[in-house]
Amino acid sequence: MKFNPKELSKSQAYKLLISALIPRPIALVSTVNQDGIVNVAPFSFFGAMSSKPPIIYVSIDRKRDGDKKDTLKNMELTGDFVVNIVTEEIAEKMNICAVDFPYGISEAQIAGLTPVESELVKAPRISESPINFECKVLKIIEIGESPNSVVLGEVVLFHINDEILENGVVNPKKLKVVGRLGGNLYTLVDNVFEMKRMSYDEYKKIYGMDD
């Protein structure tokens, strides 16, 4: 079956995207407003763009009434944010943070998450998450009809629990990270396999290719 995006509603296109592009990492984004109230919200339109410097993106849609989401308002206000990685242990609390609470209410407090002071940004980290990225806002790009606000953030400090590190990298079996699927579905990264990337010479040797 073929789908022409120009003939789809926003909802139809959204459902196709989120059900086909799976699994997606979840950025549990913490920010702070002018009164010091901590906002925490999950976003799965999220990923990495660069490693030197480390730059990530978070794409934030508008609310149903067209207003900006609290996370975006706070990013614009303070110029920073923290991405906290979602694990199995805090999945239900993450889901509570997805509730559209009125502006100025702290999702962290309601969900039972613990904000802790960051070192280089105003936004706090969430202590229950084993990985936190302290980020400075580089640029906010408005795209689409809604529009979506694509926030580019430079990671200025990584916080990674020692328990999940192995030889200087994160062990995915220890992380127990949660991925986003379509609808109300999620997944755990609990079935890991290895597949080594080959050099050209290795490929020729294995598959008998001549120069």
Protein backbone atom coordinates (compact mmCIF):
# COMPACT_ATOMS: atom_id res chain seq x y z
CA MET A 1 0.00 0.00 0.00
CA LYS A 2 1.17 3.52 -0.76
CA PHE A 3 0.45 6.70 1.17
CA ASN A 4 0.82 10.22 -0.20
CA PRO A 5 1.65 12.49 2.75
CA LYS A 6 -0.16 15.39 1.07
CA GLU A 7 -3.39 13.39 1.23
CA LEU A 8 -3.02 12.46 4.91
CA SER A 9 -4.15 14.38 7.94
CA LYS A 10 -1.57 15.30 10.55
CA SER A 11 -2.89 12.53 12.80
CA GLN A 12 -2.68 9.90 10.05
CA ALA A 13 0.88 10.86 9.12
CA TYR A 14 1.89 10.91 12.78
CA LYS A 15 0.50 7.43 13.42
CA LEU A 16 2.29 6.03 10.37
CA LEU A 17 5.60 7.56 11.44
CA ILE A 18 5.52 6.45 15.07
CA SER A 19 4.37 2.91 14.23
CA ALA A 20 7.03 2.43 11.53
CA LEU A 21 10.06 4.23 13.01
CA ILE A 22 10.63 1.90 15.95
CA PRO A 23 11.99 1.66 18.51
CA ARG A 24 12.71 5.28 19.36
CA PRO A 25 14.75 6.46 22.35
CA ILE A 26 12.88 8.54 24.89
CA ALA A 27 14.24 11.86 26.12
CA LEU A 28 12.81 12.61 29.54
CA VAL A 29 13.51 16.33 29.42
CA SER A 30 13.81 18.36 32.59
CA THR A 31 13.62 22.17 32.56
CA VAL A 32 12.92 24.92 35.07
CA ASN A 33 10.74 28.03 34.82
CA GLN A 34 11.20 31.55 36.16
CA ASP A 35 9.79 30.53 39.55
CA GLY A 36 12.15 27.58 39.94
CA ILE A 37 9.43 25.00 39.31
CA VAL A 38 10.76 21.85 37.62
CA ASN A 39 9.03 20.57 34.51
CA VAL A 40 9.67 17.02 33.29
CA ALA A 41 8.23 15.65 30.04
CA PRO A 42 9.02 12.75 27.65
CA PHE A 43 9.72 13.14 23.92
CA SER A 44 10.51 10.35 21.46
CA PHE A 45 11.31 12.54 18.45
CA PHE A 46 14.84 12.63 19.79
CA GLY A 47 18.34 11.65 18.68
CA ALA A 48 22.00 12.50 18.14
CA MET A 49 23.35 14.75 15.39
CA SER A 50 27.06 15.22 16.09
CA SER A 51 29.79 13.86 18.34
CA LYS A 52 32.37 16.68 18.32
CA PRO A 53 30.84 18.67 19.84
CA PRO A 54 28.11 16.30 21.03
CA ILE A 55 24.83 17.71 19.73
CA ILE A 56 21.39 16.18 20.19
CA TYR A 57 17.95 17.22 19.00
CA VAL A 58 14.50 17.10 20.58
CA SER A 59 11.45 17.84 18.43
CA ILE A 60 8.54 19.35 20.36
CA ASP A 61 5.04 19.61 18.92
CA ARG A 62 2.46 22.19 19.99
CA LYS A 63 -0.33 21.52 22.47
CA ARG A 64 -3.78 20.72 21.09
CA ASP A 65 -4.81 24.36 21.55
CA GLY A 66 -1.76 25.51 19.56
CA ASP A 67 0.12 26.88 22.57
CA LYS A 68 3.77 26.05 23.18
CA LYS A 69 4.47 23.18 25.56
CA ASP A 70 5.95 24.01 28.96
CA THR A 71 9.26 22.35 28.07
CA LEU A 72 9.74 24.62 25.06
CA LYS A 73 8.76 27.74 27.01
CA ASN A 74 11.34 26.91 29.67
CA MET A 75 14.05 26.13 27.09
CA GLU A 76 13.48 29.54 25.51
CA LEU A 77 13.53 31.20 28.93
CA THR A 78 16.68 29.62 30.39
CA GLY A 79 18.56 28.48 27.28
CA ASP A 80 19.21 25.01 28.66
CA PHE A 81 17.73 21.62 29.53
CA VAL A 82 18.66 18.12 30.68
CA VAL A 83 17.88 14.88 28.87
CA ASN A 84 17.37 11.96 31.24
CA ILE A 85 17.36 8.47 29.72
CA VAL A 86 14.30 6.36 30.54
CA THR A 87 14.83 2.89 31.99
CA GLU A 88 12.43 0.14 33.00
CA GLU A 89 12.62 1.29 36.61
CA ILE A 90 11.15 4.73 35.89
CA ALA A 91 8.90 3.90 32.91
CA GLU A 92 5.64 4.38 34.83
CA LYS A 93 6.87 7.66 36.31
CA MET A 94 7.83 8.82 32.81
CA ASN A 95 4.27 8.07 31.69
CA ILE A 96 2.87 10.24 34.49
CA CYS A 97 5.09 13.08 33.26
CA ALA A 98 3.34 12.83 29.87
CA VAL A 99 0.07 14.08 31.43
CA ASP A 100 -0.80 17.59 30.24
CA PHE A 101 -0.67 19.28 33.63
CA PRO A 102 -1.28 23.04 33.83
CA TYR A 103 1.77 25.29 33.48
CA GLY A 104 3.63 25.74 36.76
CA ILE A 105 2.88 22.29 38.20
CA SER A 106 5.91 20.10 38.81
CA GLU A 107 5.57 16.73 37.11
CA ALA A 108 8.67 15.56 38.96
CA GLN A 109 6.97 16.01 42.31
CA ILE A 110 3.74 14.33 41.19
CA ALA A 111 5.56 11.39 39.59
CA GLY A 112 7.90 10.90 42.53
CA LEU A 113 11.08 11.76 40.66
CA THR A 114 13.98 13.48 42.40
CA PRO A 115 15.49 16.61 40.81
CA VAL A 116 19.15 17.20 41.69
CA GLU A 117 21.20 20.27 40.88
CA SER A 118 23.12 20.20 37.62
CA GLU A 119 26.67 21.52 37.38
CA LEU A 120 26.63 23.62 34.20
CA VAL A 121 22.96 24.34 33.47
CA LYS A 122 19.98 25.71 35.40
CA ALA A 123 17.74 22.72 34.66
CA PRO A 124 18.06 19.90 37.20
CA ARG A 125 18.93 16.29 36.51
CA ILE A 126 16.66 13.42 37.53
CA SER A 127 18.55 11.23 39.99
CA GLU A 128 16.55 8.07 39.22
CA SER A 129 17.85 8.09 35.63
CA PRO A 130 21.30 6.48 35.19
CA ILE A 131 22.20 8.79 32.28
CA ASN A 132 21.80 12.56 32.19
CA PHE A 133 22.89 14.97 29.45
CA GLU A 134 23.29 18.57 30.58
CA CYS A 135 22.55 20.64 27.46
CA LYS A 136 22.78 24.23 26.27
CA VAL A 137 20.32 25.33 23.59
CA LEU A 138 22.15 26.03 20.32
CA LYS A 139 19.23 26.75 18.04
CA ILE A 140 15.46 26.27 17.79
CA ILE A 141 14.14 25.58 14.30
CA GLU A 142 10.43 25.81 13.49
CA ILE A 143 9.30 23.22 10.92
CA GLY A 144 6.00 21.87 9.66
CA GLU A 145 2.49 23.27 9.77
CA SER A 146 1.87 22.93 13.52
CA PRO A 147 4.76 23.84 13.82
CA ASN A 148 7.21 21.53 15.54
CA SER A 149 10.13 23.15 17.34
CA VAL A 150 13.34 21.23 16.74
CA VAL A 151 15.66 22.12 19.60
CA LEU A 152 19.38 21.57 19.00
CA GLY A 153 21.30 21.19 22.22
CA GLU A 154 25.01 20.87 22.89
CA VAL A 155 25.79 18.32 25.59
CA VAL A 156 28.10 20.19 27.95
CA LEU A 157 28.31 17.44 30.57
CA PHE A 158 27.54 13.72 30.66
CA HIS A 159 26.47 11.98 33.89
CA ILE A 160 26.61 8.17 33.63
CA ASN A 161 26.32 5.77 36.55
CA ASP A 162 29.42 3.66 37.08
CA GLU A 163 27.31 0.50 37.35
CA ILE A 164 26.32 0.57 33.67
CA LEU A 165 29.74 1.51 32.27
CA GLU A 166 32.05 -1.12 30.82
CA ASN A 167 35.36 -0.29 29.12
CA GLY A 168 34.35 3.33 28.78
CA VAL A 169 30.97 2.70 27.11
CA VAL A 170 27.44 1.97 28.30
CA ASN A 171 26.53 -1.71 28.55
CA PRO A 172 23.01 -1.96 27.03
CA LYS A 173 22.24 -5.12 29.02
CA LYS A 174 22.81 -3.24 32.26
CA LEU A 175 21.00 -0.07 31.18
CA LYS A 176 17.56 -1.71 30.66
CA VAL A 177 16.50 1.21 28.50
CA VAL A 178 12.90 1.69 27.33
CA GLY A 179 12.08 2.35 23.67
CA ARG A 180 8.94 3.97 22.25
CA LEU A 181 6.76 2.16 19.72
CA GLY A 182 3.44 3.23 18.20
CA GLY A 183 0.28 3.98 20.15
CA ASN A 184 0.61 3.00 23.81
CA LEU A 185 3.32 0.42 23.17
CA TYR A 186 6.87 0.39 24.52
CA THR A 187 9.75 -2.08 24.41
CA LEU A 188 12.81 -3.05 26.43
CA VAL A 189 16.25 -3.52 24.92
CA ASP A 190 16.67 -7.02 26.34
CA ASN A 191 17.65 -9.03 23.25
CA VAL A 192 21.09 -7.87 22.14
CA PHE A 193 23.19 -9.43 19.38
CA GLU A 194 26.55 -8.50 17.94
CA MET A 195 27.38 -7.98 14.27
CA LYS A 196 30.85 -6.67 13.51
CA ARG A 197 31.23 -4.03 10.81
CA MET A 198 33.61 -5.31 8.14
CA SER A 199 36.40 -3.53 6.36
CA TYR A 200 36.57 -3.79 2.57
CA ASP A 201 39.46 -6.28 2.81
CA GLU A 202 37.51 -8.44 5.27
CA TYR A 203 34.49 -8.40 2.98
CA LYS A 204 36.58 -9.53 0.01
CA LYS A 205 38.11 -12.35 2.04
CA ILE A 206 34.79 -13.62 3.39
CA TYR A 207 32.77 -13.33 0.19
CA GLY A 208 35.55 -14.16 -2.29
CA MET A 209 35.39 -10.88 -4.17
CA ASP A 210 38.22 -10.11 -6.58
CA ASP A 211 39.68 -6.64 -7.15
